[in-house]
Protein backbone atom coordinates (compact mmCIF):
# COMPACT_ATOMS: atom_id res chain seq x y z
CA UNK A 1 6.31 -95.13 -15.92
CA UNK A 2 5.62 -92.76 -18.81
CA UNK A 3 7.91 -92.98 -21.87
CA UNK A 4 8.15 -92.03 -25.55
CA UNK A 5 8.60 -95.15 -27.67
CA UNK A 6 9.35 -95.68 -31.36
CA UNK A 7 7.25 -98.57 -32.68
CA UNK A 8 7.62 -98.11 -36.45
CA UNK A 9 8.04 -95.43 -39.09
CA UNK A 10 5.48 -92.75 -38.34
CA UNK A 11 4.49 -94.45 -35.08
CA UNK A 12 5.95 -92.86 -31.95
CA UNK A 13 3.78 -93.01 -28.83
CA UNK A 14 3.72 -91.54 -25.35
CA UNK A 15 2.68 -94.52 -23.26
CA UNK A 16 2.90 -96.34 -19.96
CA UNK A 17 5.70 -98.92 -19.83
CA UNK A 18 7.28 -100.99 -17.05
CA UNK A 19 10.14 -99.17 -15.29
CA UNK A 20 13.65 -100.47 -15.89
CA UNK A 21 14.94 -103.17 -13.53
CA UNK A 22 17.39 -102.29 -10.75
CA UNK A 23 20.78 -101.33 -12.21
CA UNK A 24 23.16 -104.22 -12.86
CA UNK A 25 26.90 -104.35 -12.20
CA UNK A 26 28.58 -101.20 -13.49
CA UNK A 27 25.26 -99.45 -14.11
CA UNK A 28 23.34 -96.60 -12.53
CA UNK A 29 19.65 -95.80 -12.64
CA UNK A 30 18.77 -92.17 -13.37
CA UNK A 31 15.66 -90.12 -12.82
CA UNK A 32 15.70 -88.07 -16.01
CA UNK A 33 15.64 -84.29 -15.49
CA UNK A 34 15.48 -83.06 -19.09
CA UNK A 35 15.91 -84.71 -22.50
CA UNK A 36 16.45 -82.96 -25.81
CA UNK A 37 14.79 -83.99 -29.06
CA UNK A 38 17.40 -84.46 -31.78
CA UNK A 39 17.05 -84.27 -35.54
CA UNK A 40 17.92 -87.97 -35.57
CA UNK A 41 14.78 -88.67 -33.54
CA UNK A 42 12.73 -86.81 -36.14
CA UNK A 43 14.37 -88.73 -38.98
CA UNK A 44 13.73 -92.08 -37.30
CA UNK A 45 10.08 -91.10 -36.80
CA UNK A 46 9.59 -89.88 -40.37
CA UNK A 47 11.86 -92.14 -42.41
CA UNK A 48 13.28 -94.87 -40.15
CA UNK A 49 14.38 -97.30 -39.15
CA UNK A 50 17.88 -96.10 -39.95
CA UNK A 51 19.48 -96.96 -36.62
CA UNK A 52 16.77 -98.59 -34.50
CA UNK A 53 17.02 -102.42 -34.56
CA UNK A 54 13.79 -104.02 -35.73
CA UNK A 55 14.43 -107.54 -37.06
CA UNK A 56 17.04 -108.65 -34.53
CA UNK A 57 18.17 -107.41 -31.09
CA UNK A 58 21.19 -105.14 -30.91
CA UNK A 59 24.24 -107.26 -30.01
CA UNK A 60 25.19 -105.17 -26.97
CA UNK A 61 21.90 -103.84 -25.57
CA UNK A 62 19.71 -106.79 -26.55
CA UNK A 63 17.00 -104.28 -27.51
CA UNK A 64 14.84 -103.97 -30.60
CA UNK A 65 11.72 -101.99 -31.42
CA UNK A 66 9.76 -100.70 -29.63
CA UNK A 67 12.54 -98.57 -28.14
CA UNK A 68 12.40 -95.55 -25.84
CA UNK A 69 13.84 -92.56 -27.71
CA UNK A 70 16.12 -89.84 -26.33
CA UNK A 71 19.92 -89.65 -26.39
CA UNK A 72 20.44 -86.07 -25.13
CA UNK A 73 19.62 -86.23 -21.44
CA UNK A 74 20.70 -85.55 -17.91
CA UNK A 75 19.38 -86.83 -14.63
CA UNK A 76 19.86 -87.62 -10.97
CA UNK A 77 21.41 -90.89 -9.87
CA UNK A 78 18.79 -92.80 -7.85
CA UNK A 79 20.55 -96.17 -7.56
CA UNK A 80 23.95 -97.68 -8.36
CA UNK A 81 24.76 -101.28 -9.25
CA UNK A 82 27.59 -103.42 -7.94
CA UNK A 83 31.05 -102.06 -8.54
CA UNK A 84 29.96 -98.44 -9.01
CA UNK A 85 31.89 -96.25 -6.60
CA UNK A 86 32.39 -92.96 -8.45
CA UNK A 87 28.71 -92.00 -8.59
CA UNK A 88 26.30 -91.70 -5.66
CA UNK A 89 22.52 -91.22 -5.34
CA UNK A 90 21.48 -87.60 -5.73
CA UNK A 91 24.36 -86.71 -8.07
CA UNK A 92 23.59 -84.79 -11.27
CA UNK A 93 25.09 -86.42 -14.35
CA UNK A 94 25.13 -85.98 -18.11
CA UNK A 95 25.06 -89.18 -20.16
CA UNK A 96 27.28 -89.83 -23.17
CA UNK A 97 24.86 -92.66 -24.26
CA UNK A 98 27.28 -94.61 -26.50
CA UNK A 99 27.75 -98.33 -25.88
CA UNK A 100 30.62 -100.25 -27.47
CA UNK A 101 32.13 -103.71 -27.17
CA UNK A 102 35.43 -102.68 -25.59
CA UNK A 103 37.28 -105.60 -27.20
CA UNK A 104 37.56 -104.95 -30.95
CA UNK A 105 40.50 -103.38 -32.78
CA UNK A 106 38.94 -99.91 -32.61
CA UNK A 107 37.90 -100.06 -28.97
CA UNK A 108 41.37 -101.18 -27.93
CA UNK A 109 42.70 -98.04 -29.65
CA UNK A 110 40.15 -95.83 -27.86
CA UNK A 111 38.38 -95.08 -31.16
CA UNK A 112 34.99 -96.16 -29.88
CA UNK A 113 32.87 -94.51 -32.59
CA UNK A 114 34.28 -97.04 -35.08
CA UNK A 115 33.28 -100.12 -33.07
CA UNK A 116 31.33 -102.51 -35.37
CA UNK A 117 28.83 -103.11 -32.54
CA UNK A 118 28.42 -99.42 -31.67
CA UNK A 119 25.05 -98.49 -30.22
CA UNK A 120 23.34 -95.49 -28.67
CA UNK A 121 20.87 -95.38 -25.80
CA UNK A 122 17.74 -93.82 -27.26
CA UNK A 123 18.20 -95.58 -30.61
CA UNK A 124 19.71 -99.03 -30.06
CA UNK A 125 18.49 -99.28 -26.47
CA UNK A 126 16.07 -97.48 -24.17
CA UNK A 127 16.95 -93.81 -23.72
CA UNK A 128 16.04 -90.69 -21.82
CA UNK A 129 12.55 -89.75 -23.03
CA UNK A 130 11.19 -91.47 -19.93
CA UNK A 131 10.99 -91.03 -16.20
CA UNK A 132 13.81 -93.49 -15.47
CA UNK A 133 16.74 -94.83 -17.48
CA UNK A 134 19.57 -97.27 -16.77
CA UNK A 135 23.02 -96.44 -18.16
CA UNK A 136 26.58 -97.71 -17.77
CA UNK A 137 28.25 -95.67 -15.03
CA UNK A 138 31.31 -95.05 -17.22
CA UNK A 139 29.09 -93.00 -19.56
CA UNK A 140 27.90 -90.65 -16.83
CA UNK A 141 29.92 -87.55 -15.99
CA UNK A 142 29.07 -85.12 -13.16
CA UNK A 143 27.45 -81.87 -14.26
CA UNK A 144 29.30 -78.75 -13.00
CA UNK A 145 27.38 -76.67 -10.45
CA UNK A 146 27.54 -73.69 -12.83
CA UNK A 147 25.40 -75.50 -15.45
CA UNK A 148 21.61 -75.32 -15.05
CA UNK A 149 19.45 -78.44 -15.26
CA UNK A 150 17.76 -77.22 -18.45
CA UNK A 151 21.10 -76.43 -20.12
CA UNK A 152 22.94 -79.64 -19.29
CA UNK A 153 21.31 -81.83 -22.00
CA UNK A 154 22.99 -79.65 -24.64
CA UNK A 155 26.37 -80.94 -23.47
CA UNK A 156 25.77 -83.84 -25.87
CA UNK A 157 25.25 -81.42 -28.76
CA UNK A 158 28.38 -79.52 -27.77
CA UNK A 159 30.38 -82.75 -27.62
CA UNK A 160 29.46 -83.39 -31.27
CA UNK A 161 30.85 -79.95 -32.10
CA UNK A 162 34.02 -80.54 -30.10
CA UNK A 163 34.75 -83.79 -31.92
CA UNK A 164 34.15 -82.18 -35.32
CA UNK A 165 36.69 -79.44 -34.62
CA UNK A 166 39.18 -81.97 -33.28
CA UNK A 167 38.69 -84.13 -36.38
CA UNK A 168 39.28 -81.03 -38.49
CA UNK A 169 42.58 -80.36 -36.71
CA UNK A 170 41.65 -76.78 -35.82
CA UNK A 171 44.66 -74.77 -34.65
CA UNK A 172 44.60 -71.44 -32.81
CA UNK A 173 44.63 -68.54 -35.22
CA UNK A 174 42.88 -70.38 -38.06
CA UNK A 175 39.68 -69.26 -39.71
CA UNK A 176 36.49 -71.31 -39.43
CA UNK A 177 33.11 -71.34 -41.17
CA UNK A 178 30.04 -73.21 -39.95
CA UNK A 179 27.49 -74.35 -42.54
CA UNK A 180 24.04 -74.45 -40.96
CA UNK A 181 23.16 -72.46 -37.83
CA UNK A 182 21.02 -75.06 -36.13
CA UNK A 183 21.79 -76.28 -32.61
CA UNK A 184 24.92 -78.20 -33.63
CA UNK A 185 26.22 -75.42 -35.86
CA UNK A 186 25.79 -72.81 -33.15
CA UNK A 187 27.71 -75.06 -30.76
CA UNK A 188 30.50 -75.45 -33.36
CA UNK A 189 30.64 -71.66 -33.66
CA UNK A 190 31.09 -71.19 -29.92
CA UNK A 191 33.51 -74.08 -29.49
CA UNK A 192 35.68 -72.75 -32.32
CA UNK A 193 35.84 -69.41 -30.52
CA UNK A 194 36.82 -71.17 -27.29
CA UNK A 195 39.54 -73.13 -29.10
CA UNK A 196 41.20 -69.96 -30.39
CA UNK A 197 39.92 -69.53 -33.94
CA UNK A 198 40.91 -66.19 -35.42
CA UNK A 199 37.54 -65.63 -37.09
CA UNK A 200 34.33 -67.66 -37.28
CA UNK A 201 31.73 -67.22 -40.00
CA UNK A 202 28.23 -68.68 -40.31
CA UNK A 203 26.79 -69.84 -43.64
CA UNK A 204 23.01 -69.98 -43.26
CA UNK A 205 20.00 -69.17 -45.50
CA UNK A 206 17.65 -68.03 -42.68
CA UNK A 207 18.16 -64.39 -41.56
CA UNK A 208 17.03 -65.05 -37.98
CA UNK A 209 19.61 -67.78 -37.54
CA UNK A 210 22.32 -65.65 -39.11
CA UNK A 211 21.47 -62.97 -36.55
CA UNK A 212 21.61 -65.48 -33.69
CA UNK A 213 24.98 -66.67 -34.92
CA UNK A 214 26.32 -63.11 -34.75
CA UNK A 215 24.92 -62.67 -31.24
CA UNK A 216 26.77 -65.83 -30.20
CA UNK A 217 30.10 -64.61 -31.53
CA UNK A 218 30.25 -65.01 -35.30
CA UNK A 219 32.33 -62.35 -37.04
CA UNK A 220 30.32 -62.69 -40.20
CA UNK A 221 27.12 -64.41 -41.36
CA UNK A 222 26.45 -65.00 -45.05
CA UNK A 223 24.03 -66.76 -47.34
CA UNK A 224 25.18 -70.03 -48.98
CA UNK A 225 25.62 -68.26 -52.33
CA UNK A 226 28.35 -66.13 -50.75
CA UNK A 227 30.30 -69.02 -49.21
CA UNK A 228 33.14 -68.92 -51.74
CA UNK A 229 34.15 -65.45 -50.62
CA UNK A 230 35.07 -66.64 -47.12
CA UNK A 231 38.23 -68.68 -47.87
CA UNK A 232 38.72 -70.26 -44.43
CA UNK A 233 40.93 -73.04 -43.07
CA UNK A 234 38.21 -75.27 -41.61
CA UNK A 235 34.54 -75.64 -42.43
CA UNK A 236 32.09 -77.74 -40.45
CA UNK A 237 28.96 -78.82 -42.35
CA UNK A 238 26.02 -79.23 -39.96
CA UNK A 239 22.99 -79.07 -42.27
CA UNK A 240 22.91 -82.54 -43.82
CA UNK A 241 22.20 -81.66 -47.45
CA UNK A 242 24.16 -81.77 -50.73
CA UNK A 243 24.12 -77.96 -51.13
CA UNK A 244 25.53 -77.60 -47.62
CA UNK A 245 28.41 -79.97 -48.40
CA UNK A 246 29.14 -78.08 -51.61
CA UNK A 247 29.09 -74.76 -49.75
CA UNK A 248 31.49 -76.16 -47.14
CA UNK A 249 34.00 -77.02 -49.87
CA UNK A 250 33.59 -73.71 -51.73
CA UNK A 251 34.27 -71.77 -48.53
CA UNK A 252 37.72 -73.35 -48.07
CA UNK A 253 40.98 -71.86 -49.19
CA UNK A 254 43.77 -74.06 -50.53
CA UNK A 255 44.76 -76.75 -48.05
CA UNK A 256 41.52 -76.33 -46.10
CA UNK A 257 39.60 -79.11 -44.33
CA UNK A 258 35.85 -79.66 -44.60
CA UNK A 259 34.34 -81.68 -41.75
CA UNK A 260 30.99 -83.30 -42.52
CA UNK A 261 28.55 -83.84 -39.66
CA UNK A 262 25.20 -83.88 -41.44
CA UNK A 263 23.66 -87.24 -42.26
CA UNK A 264 22.23 -87.50 -45.75
CA UNK A 265 22.05 -90.26 -48.36
CA UNK A 266 21.82 -88.09 -51.48
CA UNK A 267 24.83 -87.71 -53.82
CA UNK A 268 26.92 -84.57 -53.83
CA UNK A 269 28.46 -82.93 -56.91
CA UNK A 270 32.19 -82.50 -56.35
CA UNK A 271 34.79 -82.19 -59.09
CA UNK A 272 37.94 -84.16 -58.15
CA UNK A 273 40.05 -81.31 -59.50
CA UNK A 274 38.47 -78.98 -56.93
CA UNK A 275 40.10 -81.15 -54.26
CA UNK A 276 43.29 -82.26 -55.97
CA UNK A 277 44.25 -78.90 -57.41
CA UNK A 278 43.87 -77.13 -54.07
CA UNK A 279 44.71 -80.04 -51.73
CA UNK A 280 41.47 -79.61 -49.83
CA UNK A 281 40.36 -82.44 -47.53
CA UNK A 282 36.95 -83.88 -46.69
CA UNK A 283 36.66 -85.48 -43.23
CA UNK A 284 33.75 -87.33 -41.67
CA UNK A 285 32.95 -86.93 -37.98
CA UNK A 286 30.59 -89.16 -36.00
CA UNK A 287 29.22 -87.97 -32.68
CA UNK A 288 31.74 -87.99 -29.79
CA UNK A 289 33.91 -89.97 -27.39
CA UNK A 290 32.98 -89.82 -23.71
CA UNK A 291 36.40 -89.33 -22.12
CA UNK A 292 37.62 -86.81 -24.70
CA UNK A 293 34.94 -84.80 -26.48
CA UNK A 294 32.19 -85.17 -23.86
CA UNK A 295 34.50 -84.27 -20.97
CA UNK A 296 35.87 -81.26 -22.87
CA UNK A 297 32.31 -80.11 -23.64
CA UNK A 298 31.34 -80.26 -19.97
CA UNK A 299 34.37 -78.15 -19.14
CA UNK A 300 33.56 -75.54 -21.78
CA UNK A 301 29.99 -75.20 -20.59
CA UNK A 302 30.99 -75.28 -16.94
CA UNK A 303 33.32 -72.31 -17.26
CA UNK A 304 30.87 -70.30 -19.37
CA UNK A 305 32.83 -70.46 -22.63
CA UNK A 306 29.71 -71.76 -24.42
CA UNK A 307 26.12 -70.62 -23.96
CA UNK A 308 23.38 -73.24 -24.12
CA UNK A 309 20.29 -71.27 -23.05
CA UNK A 310 19.94 -69.21 -26.30
CA UNK A 311 19.59 -72.47 -28.25
CA UNK A 312 16.59 -73.71 -26.25
CA UNK A 313 13.40 -72.55 -27.95
CA UNK A 314 10.86 -74.81 -26.21
CA UNK A 315 10.46 -76.60 -22.88
CA UNK A 316 7.59 -79.08 -22.86
CA UNK A 317 6.22 -81.91 -20.69
CA UNK A 318 6.87 -85.47 -21.78
CA UNK A 319 3.17 -85.90 -22.56
CA UNK A 320 3.62 -83.36 -25.41
CA UNK A 321 6.77 -84.93 -26.89
CA UNK A 322 5.04 -85.91 -30.15
CA UNK A 323 2.58 -83.06 -30.74
CA UNK A 324 4.71 -80.32 -29.19
CA UNK A 325 8.08 -81.76 -30.10
CA UNK A 326 8.49 -84.08 -33.09
CA UNK A 327 5.63 -82.50 -35.03
CA UNK A 328 6.91 -78.96 -34.49
CA UNK A 329 10.40 -79.90 -35.64
CA UNK A 330 8.90 -81.52 -38.72
CA UNK A 331 6.39 -78.78 -39.58
CA UNK A 332 8.15 -75.62 -38.38
CA UNK A 333 11.89 -76.37 -38.41
CA UNK A 334 12.89 -72.75 -38.93
CA UNK A 335 11.12 -71.70 -35.72
CA UNK A 336 12.56 -74.27 -33.32
CA UNK A 337 16.15 -75.06 -32.44
CA UNK A 338 16.35 -77.27 -29.36
CA UNK A 339 13.19 -78.61 -27.75
CA UNK A 340 13.67 -79.93 -24.21
CA UNK A 341 11.31 -82.46 -22.65
CA UNK A 342 10.61 -82.70 -18.90
CA UNK A 343 9.39 -86.08 -17.60
CA UNK A 344 6.83 -86.20 -14.79
CA UNK A 345 8.41 -86.44 -11.38
CA UNK A 346 11.68 -84.84 -12.52
CA UNK A 347 13.59 -82.99 -9.81
């Protein structure tokens, strides 16, 4: 089958690979319908490996480079392994993609994102930028009939937003600001609206993205230099840069909570007094949990509370995943939000 595989930094190839074996116990095999390209994929291509195992196999998946990319995907069930009763061939599903040990302190508490052996299909094991993919059945949730095939992959992006707002303890009637109006930020904006925020602002340097934020429900869209005037209860930083983190803290009023989603290794300038004197909080949020955030995201999209289609800027065949996907996101990031990839033979 055709797949997009990460071999090394700067070396991602569209190539023929053997198809996955028949699904094992508790697994399903999916024919991928659409797969989104994430900023993490771009980072692994340009600067990795950050997550992809190279020297030793991942303890749960047994995989190491080369690995098939893609962790934002949906597909049709084509086969089910032993013990799978809740999913049947022909069913449309969205895939949470996280694998975890199920036995550690964190897994026993249901806090799967903190599992020491945590992995992600598409990074730590073969993912959805391929014609076929095997996944644990427990990760796969049915896609509502009201959600189109080329919108469903953004459920994963929305689940990230849902978790961030839950981590931030958003309460109805509070004010929210989103730093960075990329795909994740625009999902945070819409989810905050759905969760009852009184007002939602967007902090974004690009005028076109500020305008899109307003079309998707933002009450106000400002440049980062104007963040301090907002004075909100919750900020969600989605840009992954030191200035974005600093803007997220400036935009808070006393007692506010800044949730950090962006991944960046550079230091940030924060004066302790700016936190202590105002009792502001900084909270990290990592991805999502399948039976909480992912299920909630499917429900929001299914009932039309969140729009996915305006975030999709490109739909390309899998053969163009590097030149028409990764390279565009690297070279023209301001012009592309979510690029969706269609494998050959998708139905």
